[in-house]
Amino acid sequence: MIIAIGCDHAGFELKEAVKAQLEVAGYQMIDVGTYSSESVDYPIYGHAVGRAVTEGRADRGIAICGSGIGISIACNKVPGIRAALCTSVEMAEMSRRHNNANVICMGGRMVGQDLAFEMVDKWLSTEFEGGKHERRINELECISL
């Protein structure tokens, strides 16, 4: 599985930690930046993560900013992206199981590394249930047209 990962300056430290853990686990990573803690604008990196997924360069994406809110909004501006801001393992699981989220978003100032690792692990290992949830995903896609 190939994962696009991106962040702003407030998510840089957490992005680097998550990326390192996933590389050790054997995932291929596309790091779309930022590459330091110098102040940058989160929309650029949320858009880059979303585009990497929708263009097929990555299977899924991870986006991190200070709160996770701004970058999740930016990701969701990309048609075809279902970015979920998660603050718990349960939210990460349900974002995949019921919403087929293709990007997980986190706040670098909101969640610690251990929780982030647990959320990403659960998110990557959870399959979409389909069924009635597939119908709802299709309804979401119609809204964005």
Protein backbone atom coordinates (compact mmCIF):
# COMPACT_ATOMS: atom_id res chain seq x y z
CA MET A 1 0.00 0.00 0.00
CA ILE A 2 1.22 3.48 -0.89
CA ILE A 3 0.33 6.29 1.49
CA ALA A 4 0.56 10.02 0.81
CA ILE A 5 1.40 12.02 3.91
CA GLY A 6 1.47 15.77 4.37
CA CYS A 7 1.32 18.42 7.04
CA ASP A 8 1.81 22.04 7.91
CA HIS A 9 4.43 23.28 10.37
CA ALA A 10 2.30 22.36 13.42
CA GLY A 11 1.99 18.78 12.22
CA PHE A 12 5.60 18.32 11.12
CA GLU A 13 6.87 16.48 14.20
CA LEU A 14 3.93 14.06 14.24
CA LYS A 15 4.14 13.53 10.47
CA GLU A 16 7.79 12.53 10.74
CA ALA A 17 7.04 10.08 13.55
CA VAL A 18 4.06 8.49 11.76
CA LYS A 19 6.00 8.29 8.49
CA ALA A 20 8.95 6.57 10.18
CA GLN A 21 6.69 4.03 11.87
CA LEU A 22 4.88 3.23 8.61
CA GLU A 23 8.12 2.86 6.67
CA VAL A 24 9.37 0.36 9.25
CA ALA A 25 6.07 -1.52 8.83
CA GLY A 26 6.76 -1.77 5.08
CA TYR A 27 4.46 0.90 3.67
CA GLN A 28 5.61 3.03 0.75
CA MET A 29 5.30 6.72 1.54
CA ILE A 30 4.83 9.78 -0.65
CA ASP A 31 5.78 12.74 1.52
CA VAL A 32 4.20 15.87 0.01
CA GLY A 33 5.65 18.15 2.70
CA THR A 34 6.15 20.30 4.55
CA TYR A 35 9.70 19.38 5.41
CA SER A 36 10.36 21.55 8.48
CA SER A 37 8.61 23.35 11.32
CA GLU A 38 8.86 26.69 9.50
CA SER A 39 5.43 28.31 9.19
CA VAL A 40 3.47 27.33 6.05
CA ASP A 41 -0.17 27.27 4.95
CA TYR A 42 -2.05 24.01 5.54
CA PRO A 43 -4.34 24.20 2.44
CA ILE A 44 -1.37 23.54 0.15
CA TYR A 45 -0.53 20.28 1.90
CA GLY A 46 -4.10 19.08 2.37
CA HIS A 47 -4.70 19.59 -1.34
CA ALA A 48 -1.46 17.76 -2.19
CA VAL A 49 -2.45 14.73 -0.09
CA GLY A 50 -5.90 14.65 -1.64
CA ARG A 51 -4.58 14.91 -5.18
CA ALA A 52 -2.06 12.12 -4.62
CA VAL A 53 -4.95 9.84 -3.65
CA THR A 54 -7.40 10.88 -6.37
CA GLU A 55 -4.72 10.74 -9.07
CA GLY A 56 -3.88 7.17 -8.06
CA ARG A 57 -0.33 7.85 -6.92
CA ALA A 58 -1.34 6.79 -3.40
CA ASP A 59 -3.93 4.35 -2.07
CA ARG A 60 -4.71 6.42 1.01
CA GLY A 61 -3.59 9.63 2.67
CA ILE A 62 -2.65 11.04 6.06
CA ALA A 63 -2.87 14.78 6.71
CA ILE A 64 -1.82 16.63 9.85
CA CYS A 65 -2.03 20.25 10.98
CA GLY A 66 -2.23 21.82 14.43
CA SER A 67 -5.84 20.89 15.15
CA GLY A 68 -6.53 18.66 12.14
CA ILE A 69 -9.54 20.79 11.28
CA GLY A 70 -8.09 23.07 8.61
CA ILE A 71 -6.24 20.37 6.75
CA SER A 72 -9.31 18.09 6.78
CA ILE A 73 -11.33 20.90 5.19
CA ALA A 74 -8.60 21.36 2.57
CA CYS A 75 -8.50 17.63 1.79
CA ASN A 76 -12.27 17.47 1.43
CA LYS A 77 -12.16 20.20 -1.23
CA VAL A 78 -10.62 17.62 -3.58
CA PRO A 79 -13.45 15.77 -5.38
CA GLY A 80 -13.38 12.09 -4.48
CA ILE A 81 -11.73 12.58 -1.11
CA ARG A 82 -13.43 11.50 2.07
CA ALA A 83 -11.14 12.90 4.74
CA ALA A 84 -12.00 12.15 8.36
CA LEU A 85 -10.67 14.13 11.29
CA CYS A 86 -10.04 11.55 13.99
CA THR A 87 -9.25 12.00 17.67
CA SER A 88 -9.74 8.41 18.85
CA VAL A 89 -9.09 4.87 17.68
CA GLU A 90 -12.84 4.31 17.50
CA MET A 91 -13.30 7.29 15.17
CA ALA A 92 -10.50 6.01 12.95
CA GLU A 93 -12.12 2.59 12.76
CA MET A 94 -15.59 3.93 12.00
CA SER A 95 -14.27 6.36 9.39
CA ARG A 96 -13.15 3.33 7.41
CA ARG A 97 -15.90 0.87 8.32
CA HIS A 98 -18.86 3.17 7.58
CA ASN A 99 -17.47 6.13 5.61
CA ASN A 100 -14.72 4.50 3.55
CA ALA A 101 -12.46 7.43 4.44
CA ASN A 102 -9.49 7.57 2.10
CA VAL A 103 -7.65 10.23 4.14
CA ILE A 104 -7.23 10.36 7.90
CA CYS A 105 -6.57 13.76 9.45
CA MET A 106 -5.10 14.47 12.86
CA GLY A 107 -4.07 17.42 14.97
CA GLY A 108 -0.40 17.52 15.84
CA ARG A 109 -1.25 19.68 18.84
CA MET A 110 -4.21 17.50 19.83
CA VAL A 111 -3.03 13.89 19.79
CA GLY A 112 0.16 12.32 21.07
CA GLN A 113 2.35 10.01 19.05
CA ASP A 114 1.13 6.83 20.72
CA LEU A 115 -2.51 7.64 20.01
CA ALA A 116 -1.65 8.69 16.46
CA PHE A 117 0.13 5.37 15.88
CA GLU A 118 -2.87 3.44 17.22
CA MET A 119 -5.33 5.42 15.11
CA VAL A 120 -3.34 4.99 11.91
CA ASP A 121 -2.83 1.29 12.56
CA LYS A 122 -6.56 0.74 13.10
CA TRP A 123 -7.45 2.93 10.12
CA LEU A 124 -5.12 1.05 7.78
CA SER A 125 -6.32 -2.36 8.94
CA THR A 126 -10.07 -1.69 8.84
CA GLU A 127 -12.08 -2.56 5.75
CA PHE A 128 -15.15 -0.74 4.46
CA GLU A 129 -18.37 -2.64 5.28
CA GLY A 130 -20.23 -1.67 2.12
CA GLY A 131 -23.94 -2.52 2.07
CA LYS A 132 -26.13 0.36 3.24
CA HIS A 133 -22.96 2.38 3.77
CA GLU A 134 -22.12 2.09 0.06
CA ARG A 135 -25.44 3.77 -0.77
CA ARG A 136 -24.62 6.60 1.61
CA ILE A 137 -21.13 7.06 0.15
CA ASN A 138 -22.72 7.28 -3.30
CA GLU A 139 -25.08 9.97 -1.98
CA LEU A 140 -22.08 11.93 -0.73
CA GLU A 141 -20.48 11.73 -4.16
CA CYS A 142 -23.62 13.19 -5.75
CA ILE A 143 -23.49 16.16 -3.38
CA SER A 144 -20.03 17.12 -4.64
CA LEU A 145 -21.03 17.16 -8.33
